[in-house]
């Protein structure tokens, strides 16, 4: 029979039975089934896409593909949307149930996070990266998106021209050494003490597990993503999507460009001209790694993704310096008669819950357990309001209809509103008789986005009140005939 799986029918029930002549037959059948289970969401996504894009549901009794998925398979709108968008983004041809070669074996949960990444970044993620590591990359992208073009332009104006030269790799490696002093020490030591191939030693330092991603942020440029894999590397500008690819020799040369003679501390100070605080961080890290523990502990697997260091607060932001002392800026006093919208609940209009869930991509930050694919860590359900949380299940209303859970918390919306408002404040702060047209265009976008965020908060408050009333009246409904 070879590796062909034998199928036959029992005499009594007519049930199909799988039979195998030898172990290789069973192994191949198991591999095929495991692959189908692992990427079965692609078939479902393609099926739902066909249901959405054609009239195949006509006469089926289902109004649309979302109703079909929810009533027949218990899939909410957010899940349906992610299934279809993954097919459109990552399948062969954008319209099939087969993943592109570069995205195979990554899994539904990680691909869902990658939906919110530019192609230049998503293509650097392989199956070796965990869901938590992919989440860390997404957080870095979101953090850079929160920085306006105006802020970057202001940063760029303060950067000396001498620091703007060099390739993306040169800039990224120099900033990596500045943000990661412990890594700088290791690179310094390997450059001066390696007896074998320096190129291989440098790549081993950067990616001891074979591949790694480093995020750094350069003022005036934004975040750069350094991806190291095998004997190659790439650097991607998170803001623009610009990418440059490099060989291991290029990486070695870039590292050697920031290493100087003497010890790690002296080399650091010569390269960056940093005060003693940064120099001390190099020394302390060196001392910690030089002392062996009394009892060996199990070595924890380090993350392949290193996030950018948080920006240091400048004197301009912290306050004004006068006479060698730091005087914080006085806080703004609220204007007389200034009101909070929640002081007047009667002003909040009624809203449909679907308007909120459709306002942003469903499932952007939270991935519920679906179809037995991957589990969601505890505590990731979004908060609807203080004391009120949603669950993957739907909530029944007075009319018997169901309301899907919300994937965007009030805190997320408020943070967006704060960001747009801060962008507008910075635009007007640099207003000096004339202002570039592109700044005015961005100010207009920020103003429109701020108004939309405020409206979403108002709609969300109205919806939460409806859900609260529904829960409060539940005992009364249960007693009706």
Protein backbone atom coordinates (compact mmCIF):
# COMPACT_ATOMS: atom_id res chain seq x y z
CA UNK A 1 0.00 0.00 0.00
CA UNK A 2 3.03 2.31 0.33
CA UNK A 3 2.28 5.66 1.94
CA UNK A 4 -1.32 5.67 0.74
CA UNK A 5 -3.89 5.85 3.50
CA UNK A 6 -6.43 3.05 3.20
CA UNK A 7 -10.09 3.90 3.78
CA UNK A 8 -12.98 1.44 4.05
CA UNK A 9 -16.49 1.12 5.51
CA UNK A 10 -17.52 -0.95 8.49
CA UNK A 11 -20.17 -3.53 7.78
CA UNK A 12 -22.50 -2.26 10.47
CA UNK A 13 -22.37 1.51 10.38
CA UNK A 14 -20.81 2.52 7.10
CA UNK A 15 -18.38 4.75 9.03
CA UNK A 16 -15.19 5.77 7.25
CA UNK A 17 -12.11 4.36 8.96
CA UNK A 18 -8.49 5.35 8.44
CA UNK A 19 -6.06 2.44 8.27
CA UNK A 20 -2.28 2.47 7.85
CA UNK A 21 0.06 -0.22 6.57
CA UNK A 22 3.09 1.05 8.51
CA UNK A 23 4.30 3.90 10.70
CA UNK A 24 5.39 6.27 7.87
CA UNK A 25 1.80 6.19 6.59
CA UNK A 26 0.47 7.25 9.97
CA UNK A 27 3.15 9.94 10.38
CA UNK A 28 2.40 11.55 7.02
CA UNK A 29 -1.33 11.52 7.67
CA UNK A 30 -0.77 13.10 11.09
CA UNK A 31 1.48 15.80 9.58
CA UNK A 32 -1.15 16.67 6.97
CA UNK A 33 -3.87 16.86 9.60
CA UNK A 34 -1.75 18.96 11.97
CA UNK A 35 -0.95 21.42 9.18
CA UNK A 36 -4.63 21.66 8.30
CA UNK A 37 -5.57 22.33 11.92
CA UNK A 38 -2.82 24.92 12.36
CA UNK A 39 -3.76 26.91 9.28
CA UNK A 40 -7.44 25.99 9.12
CA UNK A 41 -8.32 29.62 9.83
CA UNK A 42 -7.14 30.44 6.30
CA UNK A 43 -9.81 28.19 4.81
CA UNK A 44 -12.45 29.74 7.05
CA UNK A 45 -11.24 33.23 6.14
CA UNK A 46 -11.46 32.45 2.44
CA UNK A 47 -14.94 30.93 2.85
CA UNK A 48 -16.15 34.03 4.69
CA UNK A 49 -14.57 36.28 2.07
CA UNK A 50 -16.47 34.44 -0.67
CA UNK A 51 -19.65 34.78 1.40
CA UNK A 52 -18.99 38.53 1.69
CA UNK A 53 -17.95 39.26 -1.89
CA UNK A 54 -20.48 37.15 -3.79
CA UNK A 55 -24.22 36.47 -3.72
CA UNK A 56 -23.73 32.85 -2.67
CA UNK A 57 -25.75 33.40 0.53
CA UNK A 58 -28.85 34.39 -1.43
CA UNK A 59 -31.71 32.18 -0.35
CA UNK A 60 -29.74 30.71 2.56
CA UNK A 61 -31.69 32.60 5.22
CA UNK A 62 -28.64 34.61 6.28
CA UNK A 63 -28.59 38.34 5.63
CA UNK A 64 -24.81 38.61 5.24
CA UNK A 65 -21.53 36.85 5.94
CA UNK A 66 -21.34 38.16 9.52
CA UNK A 67 -24.76 36.77 10.41
CA UNK A 68 -23.81 33.46 8.79
CA UNK A 69 -20.58 33.24 10.82
CA UNK A 70 -22.18 34.28 14.11
CA UNK A 71 -25.29 32.11 14.01
CA UNK A 72 -23.72 29.02 12.54
CA UNK A 73 -20.24 29.06 14.09
CA UNK A 74 -20.38 31.55 16.97
CA UNK A 75 -17.80 33.90 15.43
CA UNK A 76 -18.15 37.58 16.33
CA UNK A 77 -17.62 40.45 13.91
CA UNK A 78 -14.07 41.12 15.10
CA UNK A 79 -13.00 37.53 14.45
CA UNK A 80 -14.66 37.47 11.05
CA UNK A 81 -12.92 40.70 10.09
CA UNK A 82 -9.50 39.37 11.12
CA UNK A 83 -10.01 36.09 9.22
CA UNK A 84 -10.82 37.96 6.01
CA UNK A 85 -8.12 40.61 6.37
CA UNK A 86 -5.47 37.93 6.96
CA UNK A 87 -6.54 36.23 3.72
CA UNK A 88 -6.42 39.54 1.83
CA UNK A 89 -3.05 40.52 3.28
CA UNK A 90 -1.06 37.30 3.65
CA UNK A 91 -2.52 34.70 1.29
CA UNK A 92 -1.13 33.81 -2.12
CA UNK A 93 -2.56 36.36 -4.53
CA UNK A 94 -4.56 37.96 -1.74
CA UNK A 95 -7.52 35.75 -2.60
CA UNK A 96 -6.79 32.15 -1.62
CA UNK A 97 -6.74 29.87 1.41
CA UNK A 98 -2.95 29.32 1.18
CA UNK A 99 -0.50 31.48 3.10
CA UNK A 100 2.43 33.08 1.30
CA UNK A 101 5.65 31.16 1.91
CA UNK A 102 7.13 33.84 4.16
CA UNK A 103 4.15 33.74 6.55
CA UNK A 104 3.66 30.00 6.93
CA UNK A 105 3.56 28.51 10.45
CA UNK A 106 3.27 31.93 12.10
CA UNK A 107 -0.26 31.33 13.40
CA UNK A 108 -3.50 33.24 13.63
CA UNK A 109 -2.76 35.28 16.78
CA UNK A 110 0.55 36.63 15.51
CA UNK A 111 -0.80 37.33 12.02
CA UNK A 112 -3.65 39.28 13.64
CA UNK A 113 -1.06 41.54 15.30
CA UNK A 114 0.88 41.83 12.06
CA UNK A 115 -2.20 43.21 10.30
CA UNK A 116 -1.36 46.53 11.96
CA UNK A 117 2.24 46.61 10.72
CA UNK A 118 3.68 47.96 7.47
CA UNK A 119 4.76 45.30 4.98
CA UNK A 120 8.41 46.27 5.40
CA UNK A 121 8.23 45.27 9.07
CA UNK A 122 5.83 42.33 8.85
CA UNK A 123 8.06 40.54 6.35
CA UNK A 124 10.88 40.46 8.90
CA UNK A 125 8.83 38.38 11.36
CA UNK A 126 9.27 34.63 11.18
CA UNK A 127 7.70 31.70 13.01
CA UNK A 128 10.57 31.74 15.54
CA UNK A 129 9.19 34.91 17.16
CA UNK A 130 6.68 34.38 19.96
CA UNK A 131 3.35 36.14 20.26
CA UNK A 132 4.75 38.30 23.09
CA UNK A 133 7.69 39.34 20.90
CA UNK A 134 5.39 40.24 18.01
CA UNK A 135 3.25 42.21 20.46
CA UNK A 136 6.37 44.10 21.57
CA UNK A 137 7.11 45.05 17.95
CA UNK A 138 3.54 46.28 17.49
CA UNK A 139 3.82 48.38 20.66
CA UNK A 140 6.94 50.03 19.27
CA UNK A 141 5.13 50.84 16.02
CA UNK A 142 2.18 52.28 17.94
CA UNK A 143 4.53 54.35 20.09
CA UNK A 144 6.15 55.88 17.00
CA UNK A 145 2.78 56.59 15.43
CA UNK A 146 1.92 58.56 18.55
CA UNK A 147 4.74 60.99 17.73
CA UNK A 148 3.55 63.62 15.27
CA UNK A 149 5.43 64.77 12.19
CA UNK A 150 5.66 68.20 13.82
CA UNK A 151 7.52 66.76 16.82
CA UNK A 152 9.96 64.95 14.53
CA UNK A 153 10.53 68.15 12.54
CA UNK A 154 11.27 70.07 15.74
CA UNK A 155 13.68 67.33 16.85
CA UNK A 156 15.41 67.38 13.48
CA UNK A 157 16.01 71.14 13.71
CA UNK A 158 17.93 70.60 16.97
CA UNK A 159 20.21 67.82 15.65
CA UNK A 160 23.72 68.87 14.54
CA UNK A 161 24.30 68.30 10.82
CA UNK A 162 27.32 66.11 11.60
CA UNK A 163 25.05 63.51 13.24
CA UNK A 164 22.79 63.23 10.17
CA UNK A 165 25.38 61.58 7.95
CA UNK A 166 25.90 57.87 7.35
CA UNK A 167 23.73 54.96 6.30
CA UNK A 168 20.68 53.75 8.20
CA UNK A 169 22.84 50.94 9.58
CA UNK A 170 25.51 53.33 10.87
CA UNK A 171 22.90 55.51 12.58
CA UNK A 172 21.04 52.53 14.02
CA UNK A 173 24.12 50.77 15.43
CA UNK A 174 25.41 53.99 16.99
CA UNK A 175 22.05 54.61 18.67
CA UNK A 176 21.86 50.96 19.75
CA UNK A 177 25.16 51.33 21.58
CA UNK A 178 23.88 54.47 23.27
CA UNK A 179 20.57 52.92 24.39
CA UNK A 180 21.98 49.51 25.37
CA UNK A 181 25.21 50.10 27.34
CA UNK A 182 25.50 46.44 28.32
CA UNK A 183 25.37 45.41 24.67
CA UNK A 184 27.93 48.12 23.86
CA UNK A 185 30.32 46.60 26.39
CA UNK A 186 29.93 43.17 24.82
CA UNK A 187 30.56 44.57 21.35
CA UNK A 188 33.59 46.44 22.65
CA UNK A 189 35.02 43.33 24.29
CA UNK A 190 34.48 41.11 21.27
CA UNK A 191 36.13 43.64 18.95
CA UNK A 192 39.28 43.74 21.09
CA UNK A 193 39.49 40.17 22.34
CA UNK A 194 38.23 37.89 19.57
CA UNK A 195 40.88 35.60 18.20
CA UNK A 196 38.77 34.14 15.41
CA UNK A 197 36.39 35.68 12.89
CA UNK A 198 35.25 39.09 14.15
CA UNK A 199 32.34 39.09 11.71
CA UNK A 200 30.90 35.85 13.14
CA UNK A 201 31.54 36.99 16.71
CA UNK A 202 29.66 40.27 16.19
CA UNK A 203 26.64 38.49 14.65
CA UNK A 204 26.65 36.02 17.56
CA UNK A 205 26.63 38.89 20.08
CA UNK A 206 23.69 40.56 18.34
CA UNK A 207 21.66 37.40 17.67
CA UNK A 208 22.72 34.53 19.97
CA UNK A 209 19.52 32.63 19.07
CA UNK A 210 20.04 33.04 15.33
CA UNK A 211 17.79 36.04 14.81
CA UNK A 212 16.87 39.17 16.71
CA UNK A 213 15.14 42.53 16.33
CA UNK A 214 16.33 45.74 17.98
CA UNK A 215 14.28 48.91 18.09
CA UNK A 216 16.05 52.25 18.56
CA UNK A 217 14.74 55.78 18.33
CA UNK A 218 16.79 58.59 16.84
CA UNK A 219 15.50 62.15 17.44
CA UNK A 220 14.59 63.78 14.14
CA UNK A 221 14.38 60.40 12.39
CA UNK A 222 12.11 58.23 14.50
CA UNK A 223 12.32 54.54 15.29
CA UNK A 224 14.61 52.28 13.32
CA UNK A 225 14.17 48.50 13.41
CA UNK A 226 17.36 46.46 13.15
CA UNK A 227 16.62 42.89 12.07
CA UNK A 228 19.48 40.40 12.33
CA UNK A 229 19.12 36.90 10.91
CA UNK A 230 21.88 34.45 10.08
CA UNK A 231 24.58 36.24 8.09
CA UNK A 232 22.46 39.23 7.02
CA UNK A 233 20.67 42.21 8.50
CA UNK A 234 18.25 44.95 7.54
CA UNK A 235 17.32 48.35 8.95
CA UNK A 236 13.78 49.68 8.48
CA UNK A 237 12.55 53.20 9.19
CA UNK A 238 9.29 52.61 11.07
CA UNK A 239 7.82 55.97 10.03
CA UNK A 240 8.57 55.89 6.31
CA UNK A 241 8.90 52.16 5.61
CA UNK A 242 12.31 52.76 4.03
CA UNK A 243 14.44 49.62 4.27
CA UNK A 244 18.09 48.89 3.57
CA UNK A 245 19.65 45.40 3.59
CA UNK A 246 23.19 44.64 4.68
CA UNK A 247 25.69 41.80 4.89
CA UNK A 248 27.39 40.53 8.04
CA UNK A 249 30.52 42.40 6.93
CA UNK A 250 28.53 45.65 6.86
CA UNK A 251 27.30 45.01 10.40
CA UNK A 252 30.85 44.29 11.59
CA UNK A 253 32.11 47.54 10.05
CA UNK A 254 29.29 49.55 11.62
CA UNK A 255 30.07 48.09 15.06
CA UNK A 256 33.78 48.77 14.68
CA UNK A 257 32.91 52.37 13.82
CA UNK A 258 31.67 53.03 17.38
CA UNK A 259 34.44 51.13 19.22
CA UNK A 260 37.59 52.91 20.40
CA UNK A 261 40.73 52.06 22.35
CA UNK A 262 40.95 51.59 26.10
CA UNK A 263 38.28 50.00 28.24
CA UNK A 264 34.53 49.99 27.56
CA UNK A 265 33.99 53.07 29.74
CA UNK A 266 36.64 55.16 27.98
CA UNK A 267 35.39 54.01 24.58
CA UNK A 268 31.81 54.89 25.51
CA UNK A 269 32.78 58.37 26.68
CA UNK A 270 34.82 59.02 23.54
CA UNK A 271 31.98 57.92 21.26
CA UNK A 272 29.03 59.58 22.94
CA UNK A 273 30.51 62.25 25.18
CA UNK A 274 27.93 61.25 27.78
CA UNK A 275 28.17 62.35 31.42
CA UNK A 276 29.34 60.00 34.15
CA UNK A 277 25.84 58.56 34.60
CA UNK A 278 25.86 56.77 31.25
CA UNK A 279 29.52 55.76 31.72
CA UNK A 280 28.61 54.29 35.12
CA UNK A 281 25.88 52.19 33.53
CA UNK A 282 28.51 50.56 31.33
CA UNK A 283 30.73 49.87 34.34
CA UNK A 284 27.94 48.50 36.51
CA UNK A 285 26.71 46.15 33.79
CA UNK A 286 30.27 44.91 33.26
CA UNK A 287 30.72 44.25 36.97
CA UNK A 288 27.42 42.38 37.21
CA UNK A 289 28.26 40.04 34.35
CA UNK A 290 31.80 39.48 35.62
CA UNK A 291 30.66 37.99 38.96
CA UNK A 292 29.41 34.42 38.75
CA UNK A 293 26.44 33.46 40.92
CA UNK A 294 27.06 31.29 43.99
CA UNK A 295 24.69 28.65 42.73
CA UNK A 296 23.99 28.26 39.01
CA UNK A 297 20.46 29.09 38.01
CA UNK A 298 18.52 27.96 35.00
CA UNK A 299 19.30 30.40 32.21
CA UNK A 300 16.21 32.26 31.10
CA UNK A 301 15.73 32.50 27.37
CA UNK A 302 16.18 36.12 26.39
CA UNK A 303 13.65 37.86 24.19
CA UNK A 304 14.59 38.18 20.54
CA UNK A 305 13.03 41.65 20.51
CA UNK A 306 14.66 44.59 22.29
CA UNK A 307 12.49 47.71 22.56
CA UNK A 308 13.78 51.24 22.20
CA UNK A 309 14.89 52.99 25.38
CA UNK A 310 12.38 55.58 26.67
CA UNK A 311 13.35 59.15 25.76
CA UNK A 312 15.10 61.23 28.39
CA UNK A 313 13.18 64.24 29.68
CA UNK A 314 14.84 67.42 28.45
CA UNK A 315 15.17 70.62 30.46
CA UNK A 316 12.70 72.30 28.12
CA UNK A 317 10.03 69.78 29.03
CA UNK A 318 10.88 69.44 32.71
CA UNK A 319 11.01 73.15 33.40
CA UNK A 320 13.25 76.21 33.15
CA UNK A 321 16.80 76.36 34.48
CA UNK A 322 17.82 79.50 36.30
CA UNK A 323 20.87 80.04 38.53
CA UNK A 324 21.79 76.35 38.32
CA UNK A 325 18.42 75.22 39.77
CA UNK A 326 15.54 73.57 38.06
CA UNK A 327 12.20 75.33 38.40
CA UNK A 328 9.23 73.29 37.18
CA UNK A 329 6.69 74.97 34.96
CA UNK A 330 3.55 75.99 36.87
CA UNK A 331 0.50 73.90 36.11
CA UNK A 332 -2.26 75.56 34.16
CA UNK A 333 -5.25 76.55 36.25
CA UNK A 334 -8.66 75.59 34.86
CA UNK A 335 -10.57 78.48 33.34
CA UNK A 336 -13.55 79.80 35.32
CA UNK A 337 -16.66 77.94 34.36
CA UNK A 338 -14.75 75.17 32.62
CA UNK A 339 -16.95 72.06 32.45
CA UNK A 340 -16.46 68.34 32.13
CA UNK A 341 -18.75 66.59 29.66
CA UNK A 342 -19.60 63.89 32.19
CA UNK A 343 -21.06 66.58 34.48
CA UNK A 344 -23.95 66.75 32.04
CA UNK A 345 -25.01 63.20 31.13
CA UNK A 346 -28.20 64.47 29.53
CA UNK A 347 -26.05 65.96 26.77
CA UNK A 348 -24.75 62.55 25.68
CA UNK A 349 -26.73 61.33 22.65
CA UNK A 350 -28.00 57.81 22.07
CA UNK A 351 -25.82 55.60 19.87
CA UNK A 352 -25.72 52.22 18.22
CA UNK A 353 -23.10 49.90 19.64
CA UNK A 354 -22.04 48.85 16.13
CA UNK A 355 -20.91 52.42 15.40
CA UNK A 356 -18.27 52.05 18.11
CA UNK A 357 -16.96 48.63 17.12
CA UNK A 358 -16.82 49.65 13.45
CA UNK A 359 -14.93 52.86 14.22
CA UNK A 360 -11.60 51.01 14.62
CA UNK A 361 -10.25 47.66 13.42
CA UNK A 362 -11.78 44.99 15.60
CA UNK A 363 -9.45 42.95 17.74
CA UNK A 364 -6.52 45.36 17.37
CA UNK A 365 -5.31 44.91 20.91
CA UNK A 366 -7.14 41.85 22.20
CA UNK A 367 -7.21 38.37 20.76
CA UNK A 368 -9.91 36.12 22.25
CA UNK A 369 -9.57 32.38 22.27
CA UNK A 370 -11.02 31.28 18.96
CA UNK A 371 -11.55 27.91 17.35
CA UNK A 372 -8.97 26.32 19.64
CA UNK A 373 -6.11 28.09 17.84
CA UNK A 374 -4.19 30.04 20.50
CA UNK A 375 -5.08 31.03 24.01
CA UNK A 376 -5.31 34.62 25.18
CA UNK A 377 -3.38 35.45 28.38
CA UNK A 378 -5.53 36.20 31.36
CA UNK A 379 -6.45 39.79 32.03
CA UNK A 380 -6.46 41.04 28.44
CA UNK A 381 -10.17 41.74 28.17
CA UNK A 382 -10.74 45.46 27.42
CA UNK A 383 -12.48 47.53 30.06
CA UNK A 384 -15.75 49.14 29.03
CA UNK A 385 -15.67 51.54 31.98
CA UNK A 386 -14.66 51.48 35.62
CA UNK A 387 -16.00 48.27 37.08
CA UNK A 388 -17.49 47.06 33.81
CA UNK A 389 -15.69 44.64 31.51
CA UNK A 390 -16.67 42.78 28.39
CA UNK A 391 -16.22 39.12 27.67
CA UNK A 392 -15.93 37.16 24.45
CA UNK A 393 -19.61 36.35 24.83
CA UNK A 394 -22.39 38.61 23.61
CA UNK A 395 -24.81 40.53 25.84
CA UNK A 396 -28.54 40.14 25.36
CA UNK A 397 -30.59 43.35 25.14
CA UNK A 398 -34.26 43.98 26.03
CA UNK A 399 -35.29 43.20 22.48
CA UNK A 400 -33.48 39.86 22.53
CA UNK A 401 -30.76 40.95 20.10
CA UNK A 402 -27.11 40.54 20.90
CA UNK A 403 -24.50 43.26 21.24
CA UNK A 404 -20.90 42.30 20.40
CA UNK A 405 -18.10 43.06 22.83
CA UNK A 406 -16.06 46.26 22.38
CA UNK A 407 -12.40 46.02 21.45
CA UNK A 408 -11.42 49.61 22.26
CA UNK A 409 -11.37 50.76 25.88
CA UNK A 410 -12.26 54.30 27.04
CA UNK A 411 -8.66 54.72 28.20
CA UNK A 412 -7.38 53.95 24.69
CA UNK A 413 -9.76 56.49 23.16
CA UNK A 414 -8.85 59.11 25.78
CA UNK A 415 -5.15 58.59 25.09
CA UNK A 416 -5.81 59.12 21.39
CA UNK A 417 -7.67 62.33 22.16
CA UNK A 418 -4.79 63.52 24.37
CA UNK A 419 -2.33 62.80 21.58
CA UNK A 420 -4.31 64.76 18.97
CA UNK A 421 -4.76 67.66 21.39
CA UNK A 422 -1.03 67.72 22.18
CA UNK A 423 -0.24 67.76 18.46
CA UNK A 424 -2.48 70.80 18.02
CA UNK A 425 -0.85 72.57 20.95
CA UNK A 426 2.60 72.03 19.44
CA UNK A 427 1.43 73.28 16.05
CA UNK A 428 0.21 76.55 17.53
CA UNK A 429 3.29 76.79 19.77
CA UNK A 430 5.54 77.22 16.72
CA UNK A 431 3.11 79.56 14.93
CA UNK A 432 5.10 82.66 13.97
CA UNK A 433 3.21 84.79 11.43
CA UNK A 434 3.60 82.05 8.82
CA UNK A 435 3.54 78.26 9.02
CA UNK A 436 4.26 75.57 6.39
CA UNK A 437 1.21 74.30 4.53
CA UNK A 438 1.95 70.67 5.46
CA UNK A 439 1.77 71.64 9.15
CA UNK A 440 -1.64 73.22 8.61
CA UNK A 441 -2.82 70.10 6.79
CA UNK A 442 -1.64 67.93 9.70
CA UNK A 443 -3.30 70.30 12.18
CA UNK A 444 -6.56 69.90 10.30
CA UNK A 445 -6.22 66.10 10.44
CA UNK A 446 -5.49 66.23 14.16
CA UNK A 447 -8.51 68.47 14.77
CA UNK A 448 -10.81 66.11 12.87
CA UNK A 449 -9.35 63.09 14.70
CA UNK A 450 -9.77 64.83 18.07
CA UNK A 451 -13.42 65.53 17.35
CA UNK A 452 -13.94 61.90 16.31
CA UNK A 453 -12.29 60.61 19.51
CA UNK A 454 -14.48 62.86 21.67
CA UNK A 455 -17.58 61.66 19.81
CA UNK A 456 -16.56 58.03 20.34
CA UNK A 457 -16.20 58.65 24.08
CA UNK A 458 -19.67 60.19 24.18
CA UNK A 459 -21.15 57.29 22.21
CA UNK A 460 -19.35 54.77 24.41
CA UNK A 461 -20.73 56.36 27.59
CA UNK A 462 -24.24 56.11 26.18
CA UNK A 463 -23.76 52.45 25.23
CA UNK A 464 -22.30 51.53 28.63
CA UNK A 465 -25.29 53.15 30.32
CA UNK A 466 -27.64 51.04 28.18
CA UNK A 467 -25.74 47.85 29.03
CA UNK A 468 -25.74 48.78 32.72
CA UNK A 469 -29.49 49.33 32.65
CA UNK A 470 -29.94 45.99 30.88
CA UNK A 471 -27.94 44.16 33.54
CA UNK A 472 -29.75 45.98 36.34
CA UNK A 473 -33.18 45.00 34.92
CA UNK A 474 -32.21 41.38 34.24
CA UNK A 475 -33.94 39.93 37.38
CA UNK A 476 -37.21 41.61 36.37
CA UNK A 477 -37.06 40.15 32.86
CA UNK A 478 -36.37 36.65 34.16
CA UNK A 479 -39.67 36.70 36.03
CA UNK A 480 -41.78 37.49 32.98
CA UNK A 481 -43.91 34.90 31.17
